[in-house]
Every structure is written in structure tokens, then in C-alpha cells.
Amino acid sequence: MLKEITLWGKKFDIEKTQEIELSNINGFIPREIGLLENLIFLDLSRNNLEGKIPAELFKLKKINTINLSYNNLSGSIPKNLGELEKIISLNLQSNKIDGPIPQSIGNLKKLNYLNLSKNLITGNLPIEILKLKKIWYFNLSNNLLSGDVSPEIIDYFSRKRLPIQNLLNGNKIKINLA
């Protein structure tokens, strides 16, 4: 049975690795990262990572922090995003991520920090964000979002004291007060 994996030239024990924080790495995020069953904290920010975010990363049942900001990651956010039952903080800022925000985002019951700003994310803002009861930071600015923002979402942002600019800036979103 496999006891360890090698990622970016470093060895990680499959059962014991709980935290990964790496700098000066490049290439892709390998699918094997999904084998680290006890991973809680992943910070690969400010590197030169490219390619798609592997769906296997979003199958890690214990992970609560993912920071992949300031890389060159592309492709869409995997649809299984909602499987991150324990995620508290998700930062994908300043990449080349495109496509829509998966509706499964509403399953992230513990999420309190979400930064998807400065990407190429398209589509409407999913109404499922109203299910993010613990959120205190929410930034989707400088993407390619379009469509109307419903009164429910405006009310949600004001009740949570979230700046609406973090939705509107750099997007083609219209506020619909009707």
C-alpha cells in the first residue's frame, strides 16, 4: 500500500500530512494531492502553477483552508466544489480561472472567506450563495460575471455587511431592485 507521494520534488506521508505551504514551485497541481486524506491546510499561493485545479483536491474531506492565489491556474472551478464540507477559507484570487461559479457553492456551510477576484469567471451569480451563512469576506470583483443581482442577494450583502463593490467592480452585473 502506498505510504507517501512526491509532489514538486518533496515527499509527503499520505496519512500524516496535515499542512502544505510551498513557495518557488511551478508546473501543475497533481491529482495525487487528493490522496492526502488528512490534509487540513494548503497554501500554494504566489507560485507559478498552471493548468486546471484537479477535482481530486475538492474531495479532501478534512481540508479547511485552500489558498491558490496569484498563480496562472486556468480552467473552471470543479463542480464538486460543494464536497468541501469543512472548508472555511477558499482563495483563488488572481488566476485565469474561467467558467461559472458552481451551484454546489451553497453546500459550503462553514465557509467564511471566499476570494475569487481577478479571474475570468463568467455567468450569473448563483442564488445558492444565500446559503453561505458564516461568510464574512466575499470578493468576486474583476471577473466577467453578468446578469442581474436579485434583491435577495443585495439584502444578504447588506445584512452581512459585505461591500457590494466586491461584486460589481469589473463585472457586468446589474442590480435588480424590482
N, C-alpha and C. Protein backbone atom coordinates (compact mmCIF):
# COMPACT_ATOMS: atom_id res chain seq x y z
N MET A 1 0.84 -1.19 0.00
CA MET A 1 0.00 0.00 0.00
C MET A 1 0.88 1.25 0.00
N LEU A 2 0.46 2.25 -0.76
CA LEU A 2 1.20 3.49 -0.91
C LEU A 2 1.21 4.26 0.42
N LYS A 3 2.41 4.63 0.90
CA LYS A 3 2.54 5.35 2.18
C LYS A 3 2.88 6.81 1.98
N GLU A 4 3.53 7.12 0.85
CA GLU A 4 3.89 8.51 0.61
C GLU A 4 3.83 8.83 -0.88
N ILE A 5 3.69 10.12 -1.14
CA ILE A 5 3.71 10.59 -2.53
C ILE A 5 4.73 11.71 -2.65
N THR A 6 5.19 11.94 -3.85
CA THR A 6 6.12 13.02 -4.12
C THR A 6 5.42 14.08 -4.95
N LEU A 7 5.42 15.30 -4.42
CA LEU A 7 4.84 16.45 -5.10
C LEU A 7 5.89 17.54 -5.17
N TRP A 8 6.16 18.04 -6.36
CA TRP A 8 7.15 19.10 -6.56
C TRP A 8 8.50 18.75 -5.92
N GLY A 9 8.89 17.50 -6.02
CA GLY A 9 10.19 17.05 -5.52
C GLY A 9 10.26 16.84 -4.02
N LYS A 10 9.15 16.97 -3.33
CA LYS A 10 9.12 16.76 -1.87
C LYS A 10 8.23 15.58 -1.55
N LYS A 11 8.61 14.82 -0.54
CA LYS A 11 7.84 13.65 -0.14
C LYS A 11 6.83 14.01 0.95
N PHE A 12 5.61 13.45 0.82
CA PHE A 12 4.55 13.70 1.79
C PHE A 12 3.94 12.37 2.20
N ASP A 13 3.85 12.15 3.52
CA ASP A 13 3.22 10.96 4.07
C ASP A 13 1.71 11.07 3.86
N ILE A 14 1.12 10.07 3.24
CA ILE A 14 -0.30 10.11 2.91
C ILE A 14 -1.18 10.25 4.15
N GLU A 15 -0.85 9.57 5.22
CA GLU A 15 -1.68 9.60 6.42
C GLU A 15 -1.35 10.73 7.37
N LYS A 16 -0.10 11.19 7.40
CA LYS A 16 0.32 12.15 8.42
C LYS A 16 0.34 13.61 7.97
N THR A 17 0.39 13.87 6.67
CA THR A 17 0.49 15.25 6.20
C THR A 17 -0.81 15.99 6.45
N GLN A 18 -0.72 17.07 7.24
CA GLN A 18 -1.88 17.91 7.52
C GLN A 18 -1.76 19.30 6.91
N GLU A 19 -0.53 19.75 6.70
CA GLU A 19 -0.32 21.09 6.17
C GLU A 19 0.71 21.06 5.05
N ILE A 20 0.44 21.84 4.01
CA ILE A 20 1.41 22.06 2.94
C ILE A 20 1.42 23.55 2.65
N GLU A 21 2.60 24.13 2.76
CA GLU A 21 2.81 25.54 2.40
C GLU A 21 4.12 25.58 1.63
N LEU A 22 4.03 25.81 0.32
CA LEU A 22 5.22 25.76 -0.54
C LEU A 22 5.37 27.03 -1.34
N SER A 23 6.62 27.41 -1.57
CA SER A 23 6.92 28.54 -2.44
C SER A 23 7.98 28.11 -3.44
N ASN A 24 8.17 28.92 -4.45
CA ASN A 24 9.15 28.65 -5.51
C ASN A 24 8.90 27.32 -6.22
N ILE A 25 7.62 27.04 -6.49
CA ILE A 25 7.29 25.84 -7.25
C ILE A 25 6.59 26.25 -8.54
N ASN A 26 6.64 25.36 -9.52
CA ASN A 26 5.93 25.61 -10.77
C ASN A 26 5.40 24.31 -11.31
N GLY A 27 4.71 24.39 -12.42
CA GLY A 27 4.11 23.20 -13.01
C GLY A 27 2.63 23.12 -12.68
N PHE A 28 2.15 21.91 -12.53
CA PHE A 28 0.74 21.65 -12.32
C PHE A 28 0.49 21.17 -10.90
N ILE A 29 -0.76 21.23 -10.47
CA ILE A 29 -1.15 20.61 -9.20
C ILE A 29 -1.53 19.18 -9.55
N PRO A 30 -0.74 18.21 -9.09
CA PRO A 30 -1.03 16.82 -9.47
C PRO A 30 -2.29 16.27 -8.81
N ARG A 31 -2.96 15.38 -9.51
CA ARG A 31 -4.16 14.73 -8.98
C ARG A 31 -3.87 13.98 -7.69
N GLU A 32 -2.65 13.51 -7.54
CA GLU A 32 -2.27 12.74 -6.35
C GLU A 32 -2.43 13.52 -5.06
N ILE A 33 -2.57 14.85 -5.15
CA ILE A 33 -2.77 15.64 -3.94
C ILE A 33 -4.04 15.17 -3.22
N GLY A 34 -4.98 14.62 -3.96
CA GLY A 34 -6.20 14.11 -3.39
C GLY A 34 -6.02 12.87 -2.53
N LEU A 35 -4.83 12.29 -2.53
CA LEU A 35 -4.54 11.12 -1.69
C LEU A 35 -4.20 11.51 -0.25
N LEU A 36 -3.91 12.78 -0.02
CA LEU A 36 -3.51 13.24 1.31
C LEU A 36 -4.75 13.40 2.19
N GLU A 37 -5.25 12.28 2.65
CA GLU A 37 -6.55 12.20 3.31
C GLU A 37 -6.71 13.04 4.57
N ASN A 38 -5.61 13.42 5.21
CA ASN A 38 -5.69 14.22 6.44
C ASN A 38 -5.24 15.66 6.24
N LEU A 39 -5.12 16.09 4.99
CA LEU A 39 -4.70 17.45 4.70
C LEU A 39 -5.76 18.43 5.20
N ILE A 40 -5.31 19.41 5.98
CA ILE A 40 -6.20 20.42 6.55
C ILE A 40 -5.93 21.79 5.93
N PHE A 41 -4.66 22.09 5.65
CA PHE A 41 -4.23 23.41 5.24
C PHE A 41 -3.36 23.30 3.99
N LEU A 42 -3.73 24.03 2.93
CA LEU A 42 -2.95 24.03 1.69
C LEU A 42 -2.74 25.46 1.24
N ASP A 43 -1.49 25.89 1.21
CA ASP A 43 -1.14 27.22 0.71
C ASP A 43 -0.07 27.07 -0.37
N LEU A 44 -0.50 27.25 -1.61
CA LEU A 44 0.40 27.22 -2.76
C LEU A 44 0.36 28.57 -3.47
N SER A 45 0.07 29.62 -2.72
CA SER A 45 -0.06 30.96 -3.30
C SER A 45 1.29 31.50 -3.74
N ARG A 46 1.21 32.44 -4.70
CA ARG A 46 2.37 33.17 -5.20
C ARG A 46 3.45 32.24 -5.75
N ASN A 47 3.02 31.31 -6.57
CA ASN A 47 3.94 30.42 -7.27
C ASN A 47 3.72 30.59 -8.76
N ASN A 48 4.19 29.64 -9.51
CA ASN A 48 3.99 29.68 -10.96
C ASN A 48 3.27 28.42 -11.40
N LEU A 49 2.18 28.12 -10.70
CA LEU A 49 1.39 26.94 -11.03
C LEU A 49 0.46 27.25 -12.19
N GLU A 50 0.25 26.26 -13.05
CA GLU A 50 -0.60 26.45 -14.21
C GLU A 50 -1.49 25.23 -14.41
N GLY A 51 -2.36 25.31 -15.37
CA GLY A 51 -3.26 24.21 -15.64
C GLY A 51 -4.50 24.27 -14.77
N LYS A 52 -5.28 23.20 -14.84
CA LYS A 52 -6.54 23.15 -14.11
C LYS A 52 -6.34 22.74 -12.66
N ILE A 53 -7.27 23.16 -11.83
CA ILE A 53 -7.30 22.70 -10.44
C ILE A 53 -7.90 21.30 -10.47
N PRO A 54 -7.17 20.31 -9.99
CA PRO A 54 -7.71 18.94 -10.08
C PRO A 54 -8.94 18.75 -9.19
N ALA A 55 -9.96 18.09 -9.71
CA ALA A 55 -11.18 17.82 -8.95
C ALA A 55 -10.87 17.03 -7.68
N GLU A 56 -9.79 16.25 -7.70
CA GLU A 56 -9.40 15.45 -6.53
C GLU A 56 -9.13 16.31 -5.31
N LEU A 57 -8.68 17.54 -5.52
CA LEU A 57 -8.43 18.45 -4.40
C LEU A 57 -9.71 18.72 -3.62
N PHE A 58 -10.83 18.78 -4.33
CA PHE A 58 -12.10 19.10 -3.71
C PHE A 58 -12.79 17.87 -3.10
N LYS A 59 -12.08 16.76 -3.07
CA LYS A 59 -12.60 15.55 -2.42
C LYS A 59 -11.98 15.34 -1.05
N LEU A 60 -11.05 16.23 -0.67
CA LEU A 60 -10.39 16.10 0.63
C LEU A 60 -11.38 16.48 1.73
N LYS A 61 -11.76 15.53 2.53
CA LYS A 61 -12.85 15.69 3.50
C LYS A 61 -12.48 16.54 4.71
N LYS A 62 -11.18 16.67 5.01
CA LYS A 62 -10.78 17.38 6.23
C LYS A 62 -10.23 18.79 5.97
N ILE A 63 -10.01 19.13 4.71
CA ILE A 63 -9.35 20.40 4.41
C ILE A 63 -10.25 21.58 4.79
N ASN A 64 -9.64 22.59 5.46
CA ASN A 64 -10.42 23.77 5.82
C ASN A 64 -9.87 25.05 5.22
N THR A 65 -8.65 25.02 4.66
CA THR A 65 -8.06 26.21 4.05
C THR A 65 -7.37 25.83 2.75
N ILE A 66 -7.76 26.53 1.67
CA ILE A 66 -7.09 26.38 0.38
C ILE A 66 -6.75 27.77 -0.12
N ASN A 67 -5.46 28.02 -0.35
CA ASN A 67 -5.02 29.29 -0.93
C ASN A 67 -4.17 28.97 -2.16
N LEU A 68 -4.75 29.24 -3.33
CA LEU A 68 -4.05 29.03 -4.60
C LEU A 68 -3.92 30.36 -5.34
N SER A 69 -3.99 31.47 -4.61
CA SER A 69 -3.98 32.79 -5.23
C SER A 69 -2.63 33.11 -5.87
N TYR A 70 -2.69 34.05 -6.82
CA TYR A 70 -1.51 34.56 -7.52
C TYR A 70 -0.70 33.45 -8.18
N ASN A 71 -1.37 32.71 -9.04
CA ASN A 71 -0.74 31.71 -9.88
C ASN A 71 -1.23 31.93 -11.30
N ASN A 72 -1.08 30.94 -12.13
CA ASN A 72 -1.58 31.00 -13.51
C ASN A 72 -2.54 29.86 -13.77
N LEU A 73 -3.32 29.50 -12.76
CA LEU A 73 -4.26 28.40 -12.89
C LEU A 73 -5.38 28.78 -13.85
N SER A 74 -5.85 27.81 -14.62
CA SER A 74 -6.89 28.06 -15.62
C SER A 74 -7.95 26.98 -15.52
N GLY A 75 -8.88 27.01 -16.44
CA GLY A 75 -9.98 26.06 -16.39
C GLY A 75 -11.03 26.55 -15.41
N SER A 76 -12.06 25.76 -15.26
CA SER A 76 -13.16 26.18 -14.38
C SER A 76 -13.00 25.60 -12.98
N ILE A 77 -13.77 26.16 -12.06
CA ILE A 77 -13.82 25.62 -10.70
C ILE A 77 -14.55 24.29 -10.78
N PRO A 78 -13.95 23.21 -10.28
CA PRO A 78 -14.62 21.91 -10.38
C PRO A 78 -16.02 21.93 -9.77
N LYS A 79 -16.94 21.24 -10.44
CA LYS A 79 -18.34 21.20 -10.00
C LYS A 79 -18.49 20.59 -8.61
N ASN A 80 -17.50 19.77 -8.21
CA ASN A 80 -17.60 19.12 -6.89
C ASN A 80 -17.08 20.03 -5.78
N LEU A 81 -16.99 21.32 -6.03
CA LEU A 81 -16.60 22.30 -5.01
C LEU A 81 -17.40 22.10 -3.73
N GLY A 82 -18.67 21.80 -3.85
CA GLY A 82 -19.55 21.65 -2.70
C GLY A 82 -19.24 20.48 -1.80
N GLU A 83 -18.30 19.62 -2.18
CA GLU A 83 -17.91 18.49 -1.34
C GLU A 83 -16.95 18.89 -0.23
N LEU A 84 -16.48 20.13 -0.25
CA LEU A 84 -15.54 20.61 0.77
C LEU A 84 -16.30 20.95 2.05
N GLU A 85 -16.74 19.93 2.74
CA GLU A 85 -17.61 20.10 3.90
C GLU A 85 -17.01 20.94 5.02
N LYS A 86 -15.70 20.92 5.18
CA LYS A 86 -15.07 21.62 6.30
C LYS A 86 -14.36 22.91 5.90
N ILE A 87 -14.47 23.29 4.62
CA ILE A 87 -13.72 24.46 4.15
C ILE A 87 -14.22 25.73 4.86
N ILE A 88 -13.24 26.49 5.33
CA ILE A 88 -13.50 27.77 6.00
C ILE A 88 -13.03 28.91 5.11
N SER A 89 -11.88 28.70 4.45
CA SER A 89 -11.27 29.75 3.65
C SER A 89 -10.86 29.20 2.28
N LEU A 90 -11.34 29.87 1.21
CA LEU A 90 -11.00 29.49 -0.16
C LEU A 90 -10.56 30.74 -0.90
N ASN A 91 -9.30 30.77 -1.32
CA ASN A 91 -8.74 31.93 -2.02
C ASN A 91 -8.15 31.47 -3.35
N LEU A 92 -8.81 31.87 -4.44
CA LEU A 92 -8.35 31.57 -5.79
C LEU A 92 -8.06 32.85 -6.56
N GLN A 93 -7.86 33.95 -5.86
CA GLN A 93 -7.64 35.28 -6.45
C GLN A 93 -6.48 35.28 -7.43
N SER A 94 -6.59 36.12 -8.46
CA SER A 94 -5.51 36.42 -9.41
C SER A 94 -4.98 35.17 -10.11
N ASN A 95 -5.86 34.51 -10.82
CA ASN A 95 -5.52 33.39 -11.68
C ASN A 95 -6.18 33.63 -13.02
N LYS A 96 -6.37 32.59 -13.79
CA LYS A 96 -7.05 32.68 -15.09
C LYS A 96 -8.23 31.71 -15.11
N ILE A 97 -8.87 31.56 -13.97
CA ILE A 97 -9.98 30.63 -13.82
C ILE A 97 -11.19 31.19 -14.55
N ASP A 98 -11.85 30.33 -15.33
CA ASP A 98 -12.99 30.78 -16.12
C ASP A 98 -14.21 29.92 -15.83
N GLY A 99 -15.26 30.16 -16.58
CA GLY A 99 -16.49 29.40 -16.39
C GLY A 99 -17.30 29.93 -15.22
N PRO A 100 -18.45 29.30 -14.99
CA PRO A 100 -19.34 29.77 -13.94
C PRO A 100 -18.93 29.31 -12.54
N ILE A 101 -19.52 29.95 -11.54
CA ILE A 101 -19.37 29.50 -10.16
C ILE A 101 -20.33 28.32 -9.99
N PRO A 102 -19.83 27.16 -9.57
CA PRO A 102 -20.72 26.01 -9.43
C PRO A 102 -21.84 26.26 -8.41
N GLN A 103 -23.03 25.78 -8.72
CA GLN A 103 -24.16 25.92 -7.80
C GLN A 103 -23.89 25.22 -6.48
N SER A 104 -23.00 24.24 -6.50
CA SER A 104 -22.69 23.50 -5.27
C SER A 104 -22.01 24.37 -4.22
N ILE A 105 -21.69 25.63 -4.56
CA ILE A 105 -21.08 26.53 -3.58
C ILE A 105 -21.98 26.67 -2.35
N GLY A 106 -23.27 26.53 -2.54
CA GLY A 106 -24.21 26.64 -1.43
C GLY A 106 -24.05 25.55 -0.37
N ASN A 107 -23.33 24.49 -0.69
CA ASN A 107 -23.10 23.40 0.27
C ASN A 107 -21.98 23.70 1.25
N LEU A 108 -21.26 24.80 1.05
CA LEU A 108 -20.10 25.11 1.90
C LEU A 108 -20.56 25.81 3.17
N LYS A 109 -21.17 25.08 4.05
CA LYS A 109 -21.84 25.61 5.24
C LYS A 109 -20.90 26.32 6.21
N LYS A 110 -19.61 25.97 6.22
CA LYS A 110 -18.67 26.57 7.17
C LYS A 110 -17.83 27.69 6.56
N LEU A 111 -17.99 27.93 5.27
CA LEU A 111 -17.15 28.91 4.56
C LEU A 111 -17.36 30.31 5.13
N ASN A 112 -16.24 30.95 5.52
CA ASN A 112 -16.36 32.33 5.98
C ASN A 112 -15.51 33.29 5.16
N TYR A 113 -14.59 32.78 4.32
CA TYR A 113 -13.74 33.64 3.49
C TYR A 113 -13.72 33.07 2.08
N LEU A 114 -14.16 33.88 1.10
CA LEU A 114 -14.14 33.47 -0.30
C LEU A 114 -13.61 34.61 -1.14
N ASN A 115 -12.50 34.36 -1.84
CA ASN A 115 -11.94 35.37 -2.74
C ASN A 115 -11.70 34.70 -4.10
N LEU A 116 -12.54 35.08 -5.06
CA LEU A 116 -12.40 34.61 -6.44
C LEU A 116 -12.10 35.78 -7.38
N SER A 117 -11.67 36.91 -6.83
CA SER A 117 -11.46 38.12 -7.62
C SER A 117 -10.30 37.95 -8.61
N LYS A 118 -10.32 38.81 -9.63
CA LYS A 118 -9.26 38.88 -10.64
C LYS A 118 -9.05 37.55 -11.35
N ASN A 119 -10.14 37.04 -11.89
CA ASN A 119 -10.13 35.85 -12.71
C ASN A 119 -10.94 36.12 -13.97
N LEU A 120 -11.39 35.09 -14.63
CA LEU A 120 -12.19 35.20 -15.85
C LEU A 120 -13.53 34.49 -15.67
N ILE A 121 -14.05 34.52 -14.45
CA ILE A 121 -15.28 33.80 -14.11
C ILE A 121 -16.47 34.46 -14.81
N THR A 122 -17.32 33.63 -15.41
CA THR A 122 -18.45 34.12 -16.21
C THR A 122 -19.78 33.68 -15.61
N GLY A 123 -20.83 34.16 -16.23
CA GLY A 123 -22.17 33.73 -15.85
C GLY A 123 -22.79 34.60 -14.79
N ASN A 124 -23.92 34.14 -14.29
CA ASN A 124 -24.65 34.84 -13.23
C ASN A 124 -24.09 34.47 -11.87
N LEU A 125 -24.41 35.30 -10.92
CA LEU A 125 -24.09 35.00 -9.53
C LEU A 125 -25.12 33.97 -9.04
N PRO A 126 -24.69 32.77 -8.66
CA PRO A 126 -25.68 31.76 -8.27
C PRO A 126 -26.41 32.14 -6.98
N ILE A 127 -27.71 31.95 -6.99
CA ILE A 127 -28.55 32.27 -5.83
C ILE A 127 -28.16 31.43 -4.62
N GLU A 128 -27.46 30.32 -4.87
CA GLU A 128 -27.03 29.43 -3.79
C GLU A 128 -26.08 30.11 -2.81
N ILE A 129 -25.50 31.25 -3.18
CA ILE A 129 -24.62 31.94 -2.22
C ILE A 129 -25.39 32.37 -0.98
N LEU A 130 -26.70 32.47 -1.08
CA LEU A 130 -27.52 32.85 0.07
C LEU A 130 -27.44 31.80 1.18
N LYS A 131 -26.95 30.61 0.86
CA LYS A 131 -26.81 29.54 1.86
C LYS A 131 -25.51 29.64 2.65
N LEU A 132 -24.64 30.58 2.27
CA LEU A 132 -23.35 30.75 2.97
C LEU A 132 -23.59 31.57 4.23
N LYS A 133 -24.03 30.94 5.27
CA LYS A 133 -24.45 31.63 6.49
C LYS A 133 -23.30 32.19 7.32
N LYS A 134 -22.11 31.64 7.19
CA LYS A 134 -20.98 32.07 8.04
C LYS A 134 -20.03 33.03 7.33
N ILE A 135 -20.33 33.40 6.10
CA ILE A 135 -19.40 34.22 5.31
C ILE A 135 -19.22 35.61 5.93
N TRP A 136 -17.98 36.08 5.99
CA TRP A 136 -17.72 37.45 6.42
C TRP A 136 -16.83 38.19 5.43
N TYR A 137 -16.22 37.46 4.47
CA TYR A 137 -15.47 38.10 3.38
C TYR A 137 -15.85 37.41 2.08
N PHE A 138 -16.26 38.19 1.09
CA PHE A 138 -16.76 37.66 -0.17
C PHE A 138 -16.33 38.60 -1.28
N ASN A 139 -15.45 38.16 -2.19
CA ASN A 139 -14.96 39.05 -3.23
C ASN A 139 -14.97 38.33 -4.58
N LEU A 140 -15.77 38.85 -5.49
CA LEU A 140 -15.84 38.33 -6.86
C LEU A 140 -15.52 39.44 -7.86
N SER A 141 -14.89 40.53 -7.42
CA SER A 141 -14.63 41.66 -8.31
C SER A 141 -13.65 41.28 -9.41
N ASN A 142 -13.70 42.07 -10.48
CA ASN A 142 -12.80 41.92 -11.62
C ASN A 142 -12.83 40.53 -12.23
N ASN A 143 -14.03 40.12 -12.58
CA ASN A 143 -14.28 38.90 -13.34
C ASN A 143 -15.12 39.29 -14.55
N LEU A 144 -15.75 38.31 -15.16
CA LEU A 144 -16.62 38.55 -16.32
C LEU A 144 -18.05 38.15 -16.01
N LEU A 145 -18.45 38.32 -14.76
CA LEU A 145 -19.82 38.00 -14.35
C LEU A 145 -20.79 38.94 -15.03
N SER A 146 -22.00 38.45 -15.30
CA SER A 146 -23.01 39.29 -15.94
C SER A 146 -24.38 38.92 -15.38
N GLY A 147 -25.36 39.69 -15.80
CA GLY A 147 -26.73 39.40 -15.36
C GLY A 147 -27.16 40.31 -14.24
N ASP A 148 -28.32 39.99 -13.69
CA ASP A 148 -28.91 40.80 -12.62
C ASP A 148 -28.56 40.22 -11.26
N VAL A 149 -28.39 41.13 -10.31
CA VAL A 149 -28.26 40.73 -8.91
C VAL A 149 -29.63 40.94 -8.29
N SER A 150 -30.20 39.90 -7.75
CA SER A 150 -31.56 39.96 -7.21
C SER A 150 -31.60 40.77 -5.91
N PRO A 151 -32.80 41.27 -5.55
CA PRO A 151 -32.95 41.98 -4.28
C PRO A 151 -32.55 41.12 -3.09
N GLU A 152 -32.77 39.79 -3.19
CA GLU A 152 -32.39 38.89 -2.09
C GLU A 152 -30.88 38.91 -1.85
N ILE A 153 -30.11 38.97 -2.93
CA ILE A 153 -28.65 38.99 -2.79
C ILE A 153 -28.20 40.34 -2.24
N ILE A 154 -28.82 41.43 -2.70
CA ILE A 154 -28.49 42.76 -2.17
C ILE A 154 -28.79 42.80 -0.67
N ASP A 155 -29.94 42.29 -0.28
CA ASP A 155 -30.32 42.24 1.14
C ASP A 155 -29.33 41.39 1.94
N TYR A 156 -28.95 40.26 1.37
CA TYR A 156 -27.98 39.36 2.01
C TYR A 156 -26.66 40.08 2.25
N PHE A 157 -26.15 40.79 1.23
CA PHE A 157 -24.90 41.53 1.36
C PHE A 157 -25.01 42.61 2.42
N SER A 158 -26.14 43.30 2.47
CA SER A 158 -26.26 44.37 3.47
C SER A 158 -26.39 43.80 4.88
N ARG A 159 -27.14 42.71 5.06
CA ARG A 159 -27.25 42.10 6.39
C ARG A 159 -25.91 41.57 6.89
N LYS A 160 -25.09 41.06 5.98
CA LYS A 160 -23.78 40.53 6.34
C LYS A 160 -22.70 41.62 6.39
N ARG A 161 -23.08 42.83 6.00
CA ARG A 161 -22.14 43.96 5.91
C ARG A 161 -20.99 43.67 4.96
N LEU A 162 -21.32 43.02 3.85
CA LEU A 162 -20.35 42.73 2.79
C LEU A 162 -20.41 43.86 1.77
N PRO A 163 -19.26 44.41 1.36
CA PRO A 163 -19.30 45.51 0.39
C PRO A 163 -19.81 45.03 -0.98
N ILE A 164 -20.84 45.68 -1.48
CA ILE A 164 -21.41 45.32 -2.78
C ILE A 164 -20.39 45.58 -3.90
N GLN A 165 -19.42 46.46 -3.65
CA GLN A 165 -18.38 46.71 -4.64
C GLN A 165 -17.59 45.44 -4.95
N ASN A 166 -17.51 44.53 -3.99
CA ASN A 166 -16.80 43.27 -4.21
C ASN A 166 -17.53 42.37 -5.20
N LEU A 167 -18.72 42.76 -5.58
CA LEU A 167 -19.47 42.06 -6.63
C LEU A 167 -19.47 42.85 -7.92
N LEU A 168 -19.68 44.15 -7.82
CA LEU A 168 -19.91 44.98 -9.00
C LEU A 168 -18.65 45.37 -9.75
N ASN A 169 -17.59 45.73 -9.04
CA ASN A 169 -16.38 46.24 -9.69
C ASN A 169 -15.83 45.28 -10.72
N GLY A 170 -15.69 45.77 -11.96
CA GLY A 170 -15.08 44.99 -13.02
C GLY A 170 -15.97 43.92 -13.62
N ASN A 171 -17.22 43.83 -13.20
CA ASN A 171 -18.16 42.87 -13.74
C ASN A 171 -19.27 43.61 -14.50
N LYS A 172 -20.07 42.88 -15.24
CA LYS A 172 -21.19 43.47 -15.96
C LYS A 172 -22.50 43.08 -15.28
N ILE A 173 -22.51 43.20 -13.99
CA ILE A 173 -23.68 42.83 -13.18
C ILE A 173 -24.54 44.07 -12.97
N LYS A 174 -25.85 43.88 -13.05
CA LYS A 174 -26.79 44.98 -12.80
C LYS A 174 -27.59 44.66 -11.55
N ILE A 175 -27.81 45.68 -10.76
CA ILE A 175 -28.64 45.50 -9.58
C ILE A 175 -30.11 45.57 -10.00
N ASN A 176 -30.86 44.57 -9.62
CA ASN A 176 -32.28 44.48 -9.95
C ASN A 176 -33.07 44.69 -8.67
N LEU A 177 -33.65 45.87 -8.53
CA LEU A 177 -34.40 46.17 -7.32
C LEU A 177 -35.90 45.92 -7.48
N ALA A 178 -36.29 45.41 -8.63
CA ALA A 178 -37.73 45.15 -8.87
C ALA A 178 -38.22 43.92 -8.15
